[in-house]
Structure formats: C-alpha cells, structure tokens
C-alpha atoms as a PDB file:
ATOM      1  CA  MET A   1       0.000   0.000   0.000  1.00  0.00           C
ATOM      2  CA  SER A   2       1.300   3.445  -0.854  1.00  0.00           C
ATOM      3  CA  ASP A   3       0.353   5.667   2.083  1.00  0.00           C
ATOM      4  CA  SER A   4       0.784   9.353   1.271  1.00  0.00           C
ATOM      5  CA  TYR A   5       0.680  11.653   4.297  1.00  0.00           C
ATOM      6  CA  ASP A   6       0.357  15.392   4.651  1.00  0.00           C
ATOM      7  CA  GLU A   7       3.770  16.997   4.988  1.00  0.00           C
ATOM      8  CA  HIS A   8       2.865  18.521   8.347  1.00  0.00           C
ATOM      9  CA  ILE A   9       0.289  16.074   9.703  1.00  0.00           C
ATOM     10  CA  SER A  10       0.902  13.241  12.129  1.00  0.00           C
ATOM     11  CA  GLU A  11      -0.973  10.015  12.763  1.00  0.00           C
ATOM     12  CA  ALA A  12      -2.450  11.615  15.897  1.00  0.00           C
ATOM     13  CA  ASP A  13      -3.767  14.528  13.824  1.00  0.00           C
ATOM     14  CA  LEU A  14      -5.345  12.066  11.400  1.00  0.00           C
ATOM     15  CA  ARG A  15      -7.040  10.301  14.307  1.00  0.00           C
ATOM     16  CA  ARG A  16      -8.721  13.565  15.268  1.00  0.00           C
ATOM     17  CA  LEU A  17     -10.633  13.383  11.976  1.00  0.00           C
ATOM     18  CA  GLU A  18     -12.347  10.225  13.189  1.00  0.00           C
ATOM     19  CA  ASP A  19     -15.606  10.233  15.081  1.00  0.00           C
ATOM     20  CA  PRO A  20     -15.229  10.165  18.884  1.00  0.00           C
ATOM     21  CA  VAL A  21     -17.106   6.853  18.974  1.00  0.00           C
ATOM     22  CA  ALA A  22     -16.316   3.485  17.422  1.00  0.00           C
ATOM     23  CA  THR A  23     -13.467   3.401  14.929  1.00  0.00           C
ATOM     24  CA  GLU A  24     -15.394   1.215  12.530  1.00  0.00           C
ATOM     25  CA  ALA A  25     -18.992   1.124  11.416  1.00  0.00           C
ATOM     26  CA  ALA A  26     -21.139  -1.325  13.319  1.00  0.00           C
ATOM     27  CA  PRO A  27     -21.893  -4.485  11.335  1.00  0.00           C
ATOM     28  CA  ARG A  28     -25.230  -4.636   9.615  1.00  0.00           C
ATOM     29  CA  VAL A  29     -27.758  -7.052  11.005  1.00  0.00           C
ATOM     30  CA  LYS A  30     -28.686  -9.636   8.411  1.00  0.00           C
ATOM     31  CA  GLY A  31     -31.654 -11.894   8.128  1.00  0.00           C
ATOM     32  CA  SER A  32     -35.382 -11.425   7.985  1.00  0.00           C
ATOM     33  CA  VAL A  33     -37.281  -9.308  10.475  1.00  0.00           C
ATOM     34  CA  ALA A  34     -39.052 -11.008  13.362  1.00  0.00           C
ATOM     35  CA  PHE A  35     -42.393  -9.304  12.708  1.00  0.00           C
ATOM     36  CA  GLU A  36     -44.559  -8.489   9.737  1.00  0.00           C
ATOM     37  CA  LEU A  37     -43.820  -5.078   8.272  1.00  0.00           C
ATOM     38  CA  PRO A  38     -46.731  -2.696   7.699  1.00  0.00           C
ATOM     39  CA  ASP A  39     -47.856  -2.310   4.116  1.00  0.00           C
ATOM     40  CA  PRO A  40     -47.423   0.340   2.936  1.00  0.00           C
ATOM     41  CA  LEU A  41     -44.350   1.425   4.884  1.00  0.00           C
ATOM     42  CA  TYR A  42     -43.445   5.099   4.421  1.00  0.00           C
ATOM     43  CA  ARG A  43     -40.180   6.975   4.831  1.00  0.00           C
ATOM     44  CA  ILE A  44     -40.806  10.416   6.346  1.00  0.00           C
ATOM     45  CA  LYS A  45     -38.342  13.307   6.417  1.00  0.00           C
ATOM     46  CA  LEU A  46     -38.166  15.840   9.242  1.00  0.00           C
ATOM     47  CA  GLU A  47     -37.057  18.961   7.414  1.00  0.00           C
ATOM     48  CA  TYR A  48     -35.628  20.809  10.408  1.00  0.00           C
ATOM     49  CA  SER A  49     -33.018  18.077  11.034  1.00  0.00           C
ATOM     50  CA  SER A  50     -32.953  16.202   7.686  1.00  0.00           C
ATOM     51  CA  GLU A  51     -33.543  12.993   9.648  1.00  0.00           C
ATOM     52  CA  THR A  52     -35.857  10.312   8.291  1.00  0.00           C
ATOM     53  CA  VAL A  53     -38.081   7.800  10.037  1.00  0.00           C
ATOM     54  CA  LEU A  54     -40.120   4.793   8.950  1.00  0.00           C
ATOM     55  CA  ALA A  55     -43.836   5.109   9.524  1.00  0.00           C
ATOM     56  CA  SER A  56     -47.111   3.279   9.055  1.00  0.00           C
ATOM     57  CA  PHE A  57     -50.535   4.861   8.647  1.00  0.00           C
ATOM     58  CA  ASP A  58     -53.733   3.390  10.093  1.00  0.00           C
ATOM     59  CA  SER A  59     -55.808   4.533   7.151  1.00  0.00           C
ATOM     60  CA  THR A  60     -56.801   3.328   3.693  1.00  0.00           C
ATOM     61  CA  GLU A  61     -55.627   6.660   2.263  1.00  0.00           C
ATOM     62  CA  VAL A  62     -52.503   6.280   0.113  1.00  0.00           C
ATOM     63  CA  LEU A  63     -49.894   8.988   0.678  1.00  0.00           C
ATOM     64  CA  GLY A  64     -47.863  10.218  -2.259  1.00  0.00           C
ATOM     65  CA  PRO A  65     -44.400  11.803  -2.249  1.00  0.00           C
ATOM     66  CA  ASN A  66     -44.222  15.274  -0.617  1.00  0.00           C
ATOM     67  CA  SER A  67     -47.442  14.695   1.325  1.00  0.00           C
ATOM     68  CA  ALA A  68     -47.322  16.629   4.605  1.00  0.00           C
ATOM     69  CA  VAL A  69     -48.135  14.521   7.679  1.00  0.00           C
ATOM     70  CA  ILE A  70     -48.187  14.867  11.451  1.00  0.00           C
ATOM     71  CA  LEU A  71     -46.162  12.274  13.348  1.00  0.00           C
ATOM     72  CA  PRO A  72     -44.662  11.708  16.808  1.00  0.00           C
ATOM     73  CA  THR A  73     -40.968  12.569  17.136  1.00  0.00           C
ATOM     74  CA  ARG A  74     -38.557  12.421  20.070  1.00  0.00           C
ATOM     75  CA  HIS A  75     -39.461  16.047  20.823  1.00  0.00           C
ATOM     76  CA  GLY A  76     -43.237  15.842  20.318  1.00  0.00           C
ATOM     77  CA  LEU A  77     -45.815  15.880  17.522  1.00  0.00           C
ATOM     78  CA  ASP A  78     -44.414  17.580  14.442  1.00  0.00           C
ATOM     79  CA  LEU A  79     -44.758  17.930  10.693  1.00  0.00           C
ATOM     80  CA  GLY A  80     -42.908  15.732   8.214  1.00  0.00           C
ATOM     81  CA  LEU A  81     -42.836  15.104   4.460  1.00  0.00           C
ATOM     82  CA  VAL A  82     -43.416  11.735   2.812  1.00  0.00           C
ATOM     83  CA  LEU A  83     -40.451  10.718   0.644  1.00  0.00           C
ATOM     84  CA  GLY A  84     -42.152   7.582  -0.631  1.00  0.00           C
ATOM     85  CA  THR A  85     -42.820   3.956   0.233  1.00  0.00           C
ATOM     86  CA  VAL A  86     -40.155   1.476   1.322  1.00  0.00           C
ATOM     87  CA  ARG A  87     -40.301  -2.077   0.009  1.00  0.00           C
ATOM     88  CA  HIS A  88     -36.991  -3.549   1.196  1.00  0.00           C
ATOM     89  CA  PRO A  89     -35.870  -1.680   4.342  1.00  0.00           C
ATOM     90  CA  GLY A  90     -33.456  -4.379   5.531  1.00  0.00           C
ATOM     91  CA  TYR A  91     -33.427  -5.124   9.247  1.00  0.00           C
ATOM     92  CA  VAL A  92     -36.099  -3.136  11.090  1.00  0.00           C
ATOM     93  CA  ALA A  93     -36.983  -3.333  14.772  1.00  0.00           C
ATOM     94  CA  PRO A  94     -40.608  -2.721  15.831  1.00  0.00           C
ATOM     95  CA  ASP A  95     -39.555   0.426  17.722  1.00  0.00           C
ATOM     96  CA  ASP A  96     -38.075   1.869  14.514  1.00  0.00           C
ATOM     97  CA  ILE A  97     -41.556   2.357  13.054  1.00  0.00           C
ATOM     98  CA  VAL A  98     -43.811   5.189  14.190  1.00  0.00           C
ATOM     99  CA  VAL A  99     -47.509   5.552  13.491  1.00  0.00           C
ATOM    100  CA  LEU A 100     -48.607   8.703  11.669  1.00  0.00           C
ATOM    101  CA  ALA A 101     -51.129  10.770  13.600  1.00  0.00           C
ATOM    102  CA  ARG A 102     -52.866  12.256  10.561  1.00  0.00           C
ATOM    103  CA  VAL A 103     -52.440  14.034   7.272  1.00  0.00           C
ATOM    104  CA  ALA A 104     -51.491  17.683   7.717  1.00  0.00           C
ATOM    105  CA  THR A 105     -54.254  20.215   7.068  1.00  0.00           C
ATOM    106  CA  GLU A 106     -53.942  23.575   5.343  1.00  0.00           C
ATOM    107  CA  GLU A 107     -54.041  25.160   8.785  1.00  0.00           C
ATOM    108  CA  ASP A 108     -51.050  23.005   9.821  1.00  0.00           C
ATOM    109  CA  LYS A 109     -49.105  24.115   6.749  1.00  0.00           C
ATOM    110  CA  LYS A 110     -49.914  27.776   7.407  1.00  0.00           C
ATOM    111  CA  ARG A 111     -48.827  27.429  11.027  1.00  0.00           C
ATOM    112  CA  ARG A 112     -45.556  25.846   9.882  1.00  0.00           C
ATOM    113  CA  ALA A 113     -44.936  28.741   7.472  1.00  0.00           C
ATOM    114  CA  ASP A 114     -45.479  31.177  10.357  1.00  0.00           C
ATOM    115  CA  HIS A 115     -43.051  29.174  12.491  1.00  0.00           C
ATOM    116  CA  VAL A 116     -40.337  29.457   9.836  1.00  0.00           C
ATOM    117  CA  ILE A 117     -40.499  33.248  10.151  1.00  0.00           C
ATOM    118  CA  ARG A 118     -40.463  33.064  13.952  1.00  0.00           C
ATOM    119  CA  GLU A 119     -37.482  30.687  13.854  1.00  0.00           C
ATOM    120  CA  ARG A 120     -35.377  33.251  11.984  1.00  0.00           C
ATOM    121  CA  GLU A 121     -36.182  35.901  14.574  1.00  0.00           C
ATOM    122  CA  SER A 122     -35.599  33.501  17.485  1.00  0.00           C
ATOM    123  CA  PHE A 123     -32.232  32.501  16.031  1.00  0.00           C
ATOM    124  CA  LYS A 124     -31.032  36.111  16.157  1.00  0.00           C
ATOM    125  CA  VAL A 125     -32.293  36.595  19.711  1.00  0.00           C
ATOM    126  CA  CYS A 126     -30.569  33.434  20.931  1.00  0.00           C
ATOM    127  CA  GLN A 127     -27.296  34.415  19.230  1.00  0.00           C
ATOM    128  CA  GLU A 128     -27.352  37.759  21.021  1.00  0.00           C
ATOM    129  CA  LYS A 129     -27.989  36.063  24.371  1.00  0.00           C
ATOM    130  CA  ILE A 130     -25.106  33.622  23.771  1.00  0.00           C
ATOM    131  CA  VAL A 131     -22.753  36.560  23.182  1.00  0.00           C
ATOM    132  CA  GLN A 132     -24.034  38.344  26.284  1.00  0.00           C
ATOM    133  CA  HIS A 133     -23.383  35.288  28.442  1.00  0.00           C
ATOM    134  CA  LYS A 134     -19.973  34.705  26.766  1.00  0.00           C
ATOM    135  CA  LEU A 135     -20.741  31.055  26.120  1.00  0.00           C
ATOM    136  CA  ASP A 136     -18.400  28.981  23.969  1.00  0.00           C
ATOM    137  CA  MET A 137     -21.066  27.489  21.727  1.00  0.00           C
ATOM    138  CA  LYS A 138     -22.236  27.816  18.127  1.00  0.00           C
ATOM    139  CA  LEU A 139     -25.956  28.077  17.413  1.00  0.00           C
ATOM    140  CA  VAL A 140     -26.920  25.880  14.449  1.00  0.00           C
ATOM    141  CA  ALA A 141     -30.699  25.976  14.086  1.00  0.00           C
ATOM    142  CA  THR A 142     -33.976  26.852  15.770  1.00  0.00           C
ATOM    143  CA  HIS A 143     -37.209  24.902  15.506  1.00  0.00           C
ATOM    144  CA  TYR A 144     -40.767  25.422  16.792  1.00  0.00           C
ATOM    145  CA  LEU A 145     -42.795  22.267  17.320  1.00  0.00           C
ATOM    146  CA  LEU A 146     -46.039  22.307  15.397  1.00  0.00           C
ATOM    147  CA  GLU A 147     -48.437  21.129  18.109  1.00  0.00           C
ATOM    148  CA  GLU A 148     -46.648  22.063  21.324  1.00  0.00           C
ATOM    149  CA  PRO A 149     -45.608  25.442  22.774  1.00  0.00           C
ATOM    150  CA  LYS A 150     -41.927  24.560  22.684  1.00  0.00           C
ATOM    151  CA  VAL A 151     -38.896  25.886  20.809  1.00  0.00           C
ATOM    152  CA  LEU A 152     -35.722  23.880  20.238  1.00  0.00           C
ATOM    153  CA  PHE A 153     -32.264  25.419  19.872  1.00  0.00           C
ATOM    154  CA  PHE A 154     -29.566  23.187  18.362  1.00  0.00           C
ATOM    155  CA  PHE A 155     -25.919  24.064  18.961  1.00  0.00           C
ATOM    156  CA  THR A 156     -22.409  22.644  18.743  1.00  0.00           C
ATOM    157  CA  ALA A 157     -19.634  23.040  21.311  1.00  0.00           C
ATOM    158  CA  GLU A 158     -16.219  21.578  22.005  1.00  0.00           C
ATOM    159  CA  SER A 159     -17.258  20.545  25.524  1.00  0.00           C
ATOM    160  CA  ARG A 160     -20.200  20.681  27.907  1.00  0.00           C
ATOM    161  CA  VAL A 161     -21.763  24.110  28.311  1.00  0.00           C
ATOM    162  CA  ASP A 162     -23.516  25.469  31.396  1.00  0.00           C
ATOM    163  CA  PHE A 163     -26.427  27.227  29.705  1.00  0.00           C
ATOM    164  CA  ARG A 164     -28.815  27.438  32.672  1.00  0.00           C
ATOM    165  CA  GLU A 165     -28.743  31.246  32.785  1.00  0.00           C
ATOM    166  CA  LEU A 166     -29.193  31.364  29.002  1.00  0.00           C
ATOM    167  CA  VAL A 167     -32.319  29.206  29.273  1.00  0.00           C
ATOM    168  CA  LYS A 168     -33.766  31.542  31.924  1.00  0.00           C
ATOM    169  CA  ASP A 169     -33.238  34.524  29.621  1.00  0.00           C
ATOM    170  CA  LEU A 170     -34.830  32.727  26.671  1.00  0.00           C
ATOM    171  CA  VAL A 171     -37.846  31.673  28.725  1.00  0.00           C
ATOM    172  CA  SER A 172     -38.381  35.271  29.810  1.00  0.00           C
ATOM    173  CA  VAL A 173     -38.354  36.361  26.155  1.00  0.00           C
ATOM    174  CA  PHE A 174     -40.403  33.602  24.476  1.00  0.00           C
ATOM    175  CA  LYS A 175     -42.728  32.673  27.360  1.00  0.00           C
ATOM    176  CA  MET A 176     -42.733  28.963  26.448  1.00  0.00           C
ATOM    177  CA  ARG A 177     -40.741  25.792  27.015  1.00  0.00           C
ATOM    178  CA  ILE A 178     -37.134  26.024  25.873  1.00  0.00           C
ATOM    179  CA  GLU A 179     -34.863  23.113  24.991  1.00  0.00           C
ATOM    180  CA  LEU A 180     -31.182  23.474  24.088  1.00  0.00           C
ATOM    181  CA  ARG A 181     -29.785  20.433  22.309  1.00  0.00           C
ATOM    182  CA  GLN A 182     -26.068  19.911  21.771  1.00  0.00           C
ATOM    183  CA  ILE A 183     -25.353  18.109  18.500  1.00  0.00           C
ATOM    184  CA  GLY A 184     -22.182  16.898  16.778  1.00  0.00           C
ATOM    185  CA  VAL A 185     -20.416  18.475  13.814  1.00  0.00           C
ATOM    186  CA  ARG A 186     -21.746  15.763  11.495  1.00  0.00           C
ATOM    187  CA  ASP A 187     -25.283  16.542  12.683  1.00  0.00           C
ATOM    188  CA  GLU A 188     -24.613  20.220  11.950  1.00  0.00           C
ATOM    189  CA  SER A 189     -23.742  19.413   8.335  1.00  0.00           C
ATOM    190  CA  ARG A 190     -26.821  17.220   8.049  1.00  0.00           C
ATOM    191  CA  VAL A 191     -29.048  20.036   9.318  1.00  0.00           C
ATOM    192  CA  LEU A 192     -27.568  22.900   7.286  1.00  0.00           C
ATOM    193  CA  GLY A 193     -26.614  21.084   4.077  1.00  0.00           C
ATOM    194  CA  GLY A 194     -24.181  22.402   1.481  1.00  0.00           C
ATOM    195  CA  LEU A 195     -21.928  21.264  -1.366  1.00  0.00           C
ATOM    196  CA  GLY A 196     -19.112  18.770  -0.892  1.00  0.00           C
ATOM    197  CA  VAL A 197     -15.771  18.600  -2.704  1.00  0.00           C
ATOM    198  CA  CYS A 198     -17.442  16.392  -5.324  1.00  0.00           C
ATOM    199  CA  GLY A 199     -19.744  19.285  -6.268  1.00  0.00           C
ATOM    200  CA  ARG A 200     -22.851  17.507  -5.008  1.00  0.00           C
ATOM    201  CA  CYS A 201     -25.035  18.133  -1.979  1.00  0.00           C
ATOM    202  CA  TYR A 202     -23.743  16.658   1.293  1.00  0.00           C
ATOM    203  CA  CYS A 203     -24.591  12.941   1.479  1.00  0.00           C
ATOM    204  CA  CYS A 204     -25.769  13.315   5.084  1.00  0.00           C
ATOM    205  CA  HIS A 205     -28.260  16.000   3.995  1.00  0.00           C
ATOM    206  CA  CYS A 206     -29.581  14.653   0.683  1.00  0.00           C
ATOM    207  CA  VAL A 207     -28.653  10.970   0.341  1.00  0.00           C
ATOM    208  CA  THR A 208     -28.836   9.331   3.762  1.00  0.00           C
ATOM    209  CA  ASP A 209     -29.311  10.542   7.315  1.00  0.00           C
ATOM    210  CA  LYS A 210     -27.489   7.571   8.846  1.00  0.00           C
ATOM    211  CA  LEU A 211     -24.234   8.934  10.277  1.00  0.00           C
ATOM    212  CA  ASN A 212     -22.072   5.799  10.371  1.00  0.00           C
ATOM    213  CA  PRO A 213     -18.693   6.108  12.147  1.00  0.00           C
ATOM    214  CA  VAL A 214     -15.766   6.504   9.732  1.00  0.00           C
ATOM    215  CA  SER A 215     -12.176   5.477  10.530  1.00  0.00           C
ATOM    216  CA  ILE A 216      -8.698   6.076   9.113  1.00  0.00           C
ATOM    217  CA  LYS A 217      -8.502   2.319   8.505  1.00  0.00           C
ATOM    218  CA  MET A 218     -11.239   2.704   5.881  1.00  0.00           C
ATOM    219  CA  ALA A 219      -9.140   5.249   3.998  1.00  0.00           C
ATOM    220  CA  LYS A 220      -6.037   3.056   4.243  1.00  0.00           C
ATOM    221  CA  ASP A 221      -7.859  -0.053   3.015  1.00  0.00           C
ATOM    222  CA  GLN A 222      -9.027   1.927  -0.034  1.00  0.00           C
ATOM    223  CA  ASN A 223      -5.435   2.991  -0.851  1.00  0.00           C
ATOM    224  CA  LEU A 224      -6.348   6.657  -0.489  1.00  0.00           C
ATOM    225  CA  SER A 225      -3.836   9.395   0.086  1.00  0.00           C
ATOM    226  CA  LEU A 226      -3.888  10.184   3.803  1.00  0.00           C
ATOM    227  CA  ASN A 227      -4.091  13.894   3.144  1.00  0.00           C
ATOM    228  CA  SER A 228      -6.457  15.481   5.645  1.00  0.00           C
ATOM    229  CA  MET A 229      -7.685  18.003   3.063  1.00  0.00           C
ATOM    230  CA  LYS A 230      -8.687  15.216   0.664  1.00  0.00           C
ATOM    231  CA  ILE A 231     -10.298  12.699   2.999  1.00  0.00           C
ATOM    232  CA  SER A 232     -12.200  15.025   5.349  1.00  0.00           C
ATOM    233  CA  GLY A 233     -15.428  16.896   4.674  1.00  0.00           C
ATOM    234  CA  PRO A 234     -16.514  20.448   5.539  1.00  0.00           C
ATOM    235  CA  CYS A 235     -17.583  19.176   8.965  1.00  0.00           C
ATOM    236  CA  GLY A 236     -13.936  18.440   9.787  1.00  0.00           C
ATOM    237  CA  ARG A 237     -14.544  14.684  10.033  1.00  0.00           C
ATOM    238  CA  LEU A 238     -13.687  11.917   7.585  1.00  0.00           C
ATOM    239  CA  LEU A 239     -15.827  11.782   4.441  1.00  0.00           C
ATOM    240  CA  CYS A 240     -19.018   9.735   4.810  1.00  0.00           C
ATOM    241  CA  CYS A 241     -18.422   8.134   1.403  1.00  0.00           C
ATOM    242  CA  LEU A 242     -15.428   6.262   2.853  1.00  0.00           C
ATOM    243  CA  SER A 243     -17.841   4.098   4.842  1.00  0.00           C
ATOM    244  CA  TYR A 244     -20.181   3.578   1.863  1.00  0.00           C
ATOM    245  CA  GLU A 245     -17.422   1.968  -0.216  1.00  0.00           C
ATOM    246  CA  PHE A 246     -15.523   0.251   2.595  1.00  0.00           C
ATOM    247  CA  GLY A 247     -17.674  -2.888   2.470  1.00  0.00           C
ATOM    248  CA  PHE A 248     -16.962  -3.359  -1.246  1.00  0.00           C
ATOM    249  CA  TYR A 249     -13.198  -3.075  -0.745  1.00  0.00           C
ATOM    250  CA  ARG A 250     -13.301  -5.427   2.226  1.00  0.00           C
ATOM    251  CA  GLU A 251     -15.224  -8.087   0.280  1.00  0.00           C
ATOM    252  CA  GLU A 252     -12.910  -7.833  -2.737  1.00  0.00           C
ATOM    253  CA  LYS A 253      -9.753  -8.094  -0.618  1.00  0.00           C
ATOM    254  CA  ALA A 254     -11.155 -11.058   1.317  1.00  0.00           C
ATOM    255  CA  ALA A 255     -10.916 -13.092  -1.904  1.00  0.00           C
ATOM    256  CA  LEU A 256      -7.197 -12.271  -2.312  1.00  0.00           C
ATOM    257  CA  PRO A 257      -3.958 -12.898  -0.399  1.00  0.00           C
ATOM    258  CA  PRO A 258      -3.190 -10.126   2.115  1.00  0.00           C
ATOM    259  CA  GLU A 259      -0.591  -7.421   1.677  1.00  0.00           C
ATOM    260  CA  GLY A 260       2.799  -8.642   2.831  1.00  0.00           C
ATOM    261  CA  ALA A 261       2.219 -12.204   1.549  1.00  0.00           C
ATOM    262  CA  ARG A 262       5.282 -13.665  -0.178  1.00  0.00           C
ATOM    263  CA  PHE A 263       5.497 -15.718  -3.372  1.00  0.00           C
ATOM    264  CA  SER A 264       8.236 -17.338  -5.424  1.00  0.00           C
ATOM    265  CA  TYR A 265       7.873 -16.093  -8.977  1.00  0.00           C
ATOM    266  CA  ASP A 266      10.167 -15.859 -11.977  1.00  0.00           C
ATOM    267  CA  GLY A 267      13.096 -17.090  -9.942  1.00  0.00           C
ATOM    268  CA  SER A 268      12.780 -14.453  -7.203  1.00  0.00           C
ATOM    269  CA  SER A 269      10.963 -13.867  -3.937  1.00  0.00           C
ATOM    270  CA  PHE A 270       8.157 -11.303  -4.285  1.00  0.00           C
ATOM    271  CA  LYS A 271       6.007  -9.605  -1.657  1.00  0.00           C
ATOM    272  CA  ILE A 272       2.558  -8.045  -2.197  1.00  0.00           C
ATOM    273  CA  THR A 273       2.880  -4.304  -1.596  1.00  0.00           C
ATOM    274  CA  GLU A 274      -0.427  -2.995  -2.952  1.00  0.00           C
ATOM    275  CA  ILE A 275      -3.856  -4.290  -3.960  1.00  0.00           C
ATOM    276  CA  ASN A 276      -5.643  -2.078  -6.500  1.00  0.00           C
ATOM    277  CA  VAL A 277      -9.303  -3.051  -6.168  1.00  0.00           C
ATOM    278  CA  LEU A 278     -10.596  -0.712  -8.891  1.00  0.00           C
ATOM    279  CA  GLY A 279      -7.825  -1.662 -11.334  1.00  0.00           C
ATOM    280  CA  ARG A 280      -8.228  -5.314 -10.277  1.00  0.00           C
ATOM    281  CA  ASN A 281      -4.512  -5.947 -10.096  1.00  0.00           C
ATOM    282  CA  VAL A 282      -1.934  -6.745  -7.403  1.00  0.00           C
ATOM    283  CA  ARG A 283       1.499  -5.117  -7.208  1.00  0.00           C
ATOM    284  CA  LEU A 284       4.407  -7.240  -6.021  1.00  0.00           C
ATOM    285  CA  SER A 285       7.970  -6.142  -5.242  1.00  0.00           C
ATOM    286  CA  SER A 286      11.022  -8.422  -5.242  1.00  0.00           C
ATOM    287  CA  ASP A 287      14.045  -8.312  -2.969  1.00  0.00           C
ATOM    288  CA  ASP A 288      16.161  -7.132  -5.908  1.00  0.00           C
ATOM    289  CA  GLY A 289      13.924  -4.085  -6.532  1.00  0.00           C
ATOM    290  CA  ARG A 290      11.745  -5.374  -9.370  1.00  0.00           C
ATOM    291  CA  GLN A 291       8.018  -4.623  -9.425  1.00  0.00           C
ATOM    292  CA  ILE A 292       5.296  -6.470 -11.303  1.00  0.00           C
ATOM    293  CA  ASP A 293       1.513  -6.071 -11.559  1.00  0.00           C
ATOM    294  CA  LEU A 294      -0.635  -9.197 -11.837  1.00  0.00           C
ATOM    295  CA  PRO A 295      -4.424  -9.376 -12.336  1.00  0.00           C
ATOM    296  CA  PHE A 296      -6.662 -10.796  -9.637  1.00  0.00           C
ATOM    297  CA  GLY A 297      -7.216 -13.918 -11.709  1.00  0.00           C
ATOM    298  CA  ARG A 298      -3.568 -14.989 -11.311  1.00  0.00           C
ATOM    299  CA  PHE A 299      -4.069 -15.792  -7.620  1.00  0.00           C
ATOM    300  CA  ALA A 300      -5.703 -18.999  -6.409  1.00  0.00           C
ATOM    301  CA  LYS A 301      -6.004 -20.706  -3.037  1.00  0.00           C
ATOM    302  CA  SER A 302      -5.479 -24.442  -2.742  1.00  0.00           C
ATOM    303  CA  ASP A 303      -5.284 -26.502   0.452  1.00  0.00           C
ATOM    304  CA  GLY A 304      -5.272 -23.307   2.500  1.00  0.00           C
ATOM    305  CA  ARG A 305      -2.308 -21.761   0.652  1.00  0.00           C
ATOM    306  CA  TRP A 306      -2.196 -18.998  -1.941  1.00  0.00           C
ATOM    307  CA  ALA A 307      -0.299 -19.426  -5.180  1.00  0.00           C
ATOM    308  CA  ILE A 308       0.304 -17.584  -8.448  1.00  0.00           C
ATOM    309  CA  VAL A 309      -1.181 -19.585 -11.303  1.00  0.00           C
ATOM    310  CA  ASP A 310      -0.328 -19.477 -15.003  1.00  0.00           C
ATOM    311  CA  GLU A 311      -2.228 -17.178 -17.311  1.00  0.00           C
ATOM    312  CA  GLN A 312      -5.211 -18.775 -18.940  1.00  0.00           C
END
C-alpha cells in the first residue's frame, strides 16, 4: 500500500478526523425481520433536522411523495414530508416504526410557514444572548414544534456548556418551554446542508441521514492518500463516502492474499505491496527491486495456501 501523508500532519492529527465513537462502522444485522412489516411502509423526512423515520398509517388513504403529515418525534408531535414507500428496508426493529397521527391540514401548513419566520427571529435573539453570556457554543438551528408550545435550539460546542442562565433569559423572552440540544459536527452538516468537494449536496443531507462512524482504517484499506484536506469533509470529520465503499473493498480483498504475503515467482521472492481493487490488479515487489503487476485472476487458493497460477 502506498500511504501518502500530509507533509505537516501526524498520525495523531489524522485520528482527530475520526468520530469520537467506534473506529469502525457497526456491522449490519442480516436476516429477515421477526415481525410483519406494515404495508405500505413510508419513509418520512423531518425537514428541520434532515432525519428520516419509517412510519405506518392506520388509514386506507394512500400517501404520495411530498405529502405533509403529522407524526410523533422524540421532541413531540411535528410535521414531516413523505419521501415515498419502502419495500426492502433491511433489518427493522418494531420500535423503529412510528404511526402517523394524521395528514397535515392547510391550517397546519400555514402554522408551519409562520413558524419558519419566527425561527429566523428567534435565532437572532438566541445568538445575542449567547454573546451576552460569553458562552463557547455555536448556534446551528432553531425549531418550533407544530403542536406544542416549545422551541428547540440546536448548537455545537467543544465541551459541555452550562447554559442554565441562558435558558432563563430565553424563557423570559419567548414565554414557552425552551430546549437546548447539543449536537455533533456531522449533525450540523446534516441540518444545514451544502456542497461537498465532489460538487454535489452533502450525502448526510440529501442521500442518507445515517451517520455511520468513519475510521482512518477505511481510507487506508481503499489505498487513499492520507491527506487530511482530501479525505475530510466540511464538517472536519472523515468523508461519509469512505464508509459507503468500505464494504466493497473489504469483500474484494477477502478473496485475495493479504498485503505482505510472499510468493516465489520468476526465480525471485516477491512480496505483495499494494492491492488495487478498482484496477483489479496486485502489485508485487522483489528483494532485488523489481516490481510487477498481476491481475486478480492470477491468484488462487489451494489446500489453505495462496499461489500464483499461469495465465489462462
């Protein structure tokens, strides 16, 4: 493998790009679900956070894409948009599915439009209060629940923040329940959206809302240059797409001898130094400095041992 590092970046600095949780994505649960899935099963998007949930609807009415609905969320009843139906969701636990309360009315939609205006004003007020209290936190978004007198403020911070006095000030201004929620930098990108280095909308905002942990090992296994500017996103963490493709690379390499394996070939001893999954070839280096590239098909395993076979 040809690891290429930043000129001024250390392994410890690279580790800071990883998520502060597991260093590898949790394995997917395979197999059929233990209960019968509702039909139809809808995927609903919560616009204020760009999160999605699976939902059923106790009604014969069929909901089309972009239908506005009212559903229970972790914060209370709120408005969501139907993205469509889901036919093959993979593993789903019963608790992963919520039941829609009802279809949103025109009055609900008007109230939501009014809330959008109020959220902009509340955002400015909260920012001013944060400055007044000299709190080390960054306000990300504000959201009014549709059916409850409660406003949510989402923020990021490097560490825990004592915002008790801030909450008292906000309650005195808005005269309703106040909740401050600290979120991670990946969540911030998912909420705000934007364009990535590929020129497309952030994956976490437009493609999937599942924020799987990403590790440096994923970048190494894909033979990527370990340049922090190239493998990290605007959020300052490793690119989400590293985890999307990691499974493919892992499966392909599982069918090949590992890097470092030695072979006798053409009268010399060769060692595998790089596996190019996309090019489907393996690079070997000999003790005398020679390098050769062989296609995947030249390697076969027999009786538990790998060997280089003749070209067919």
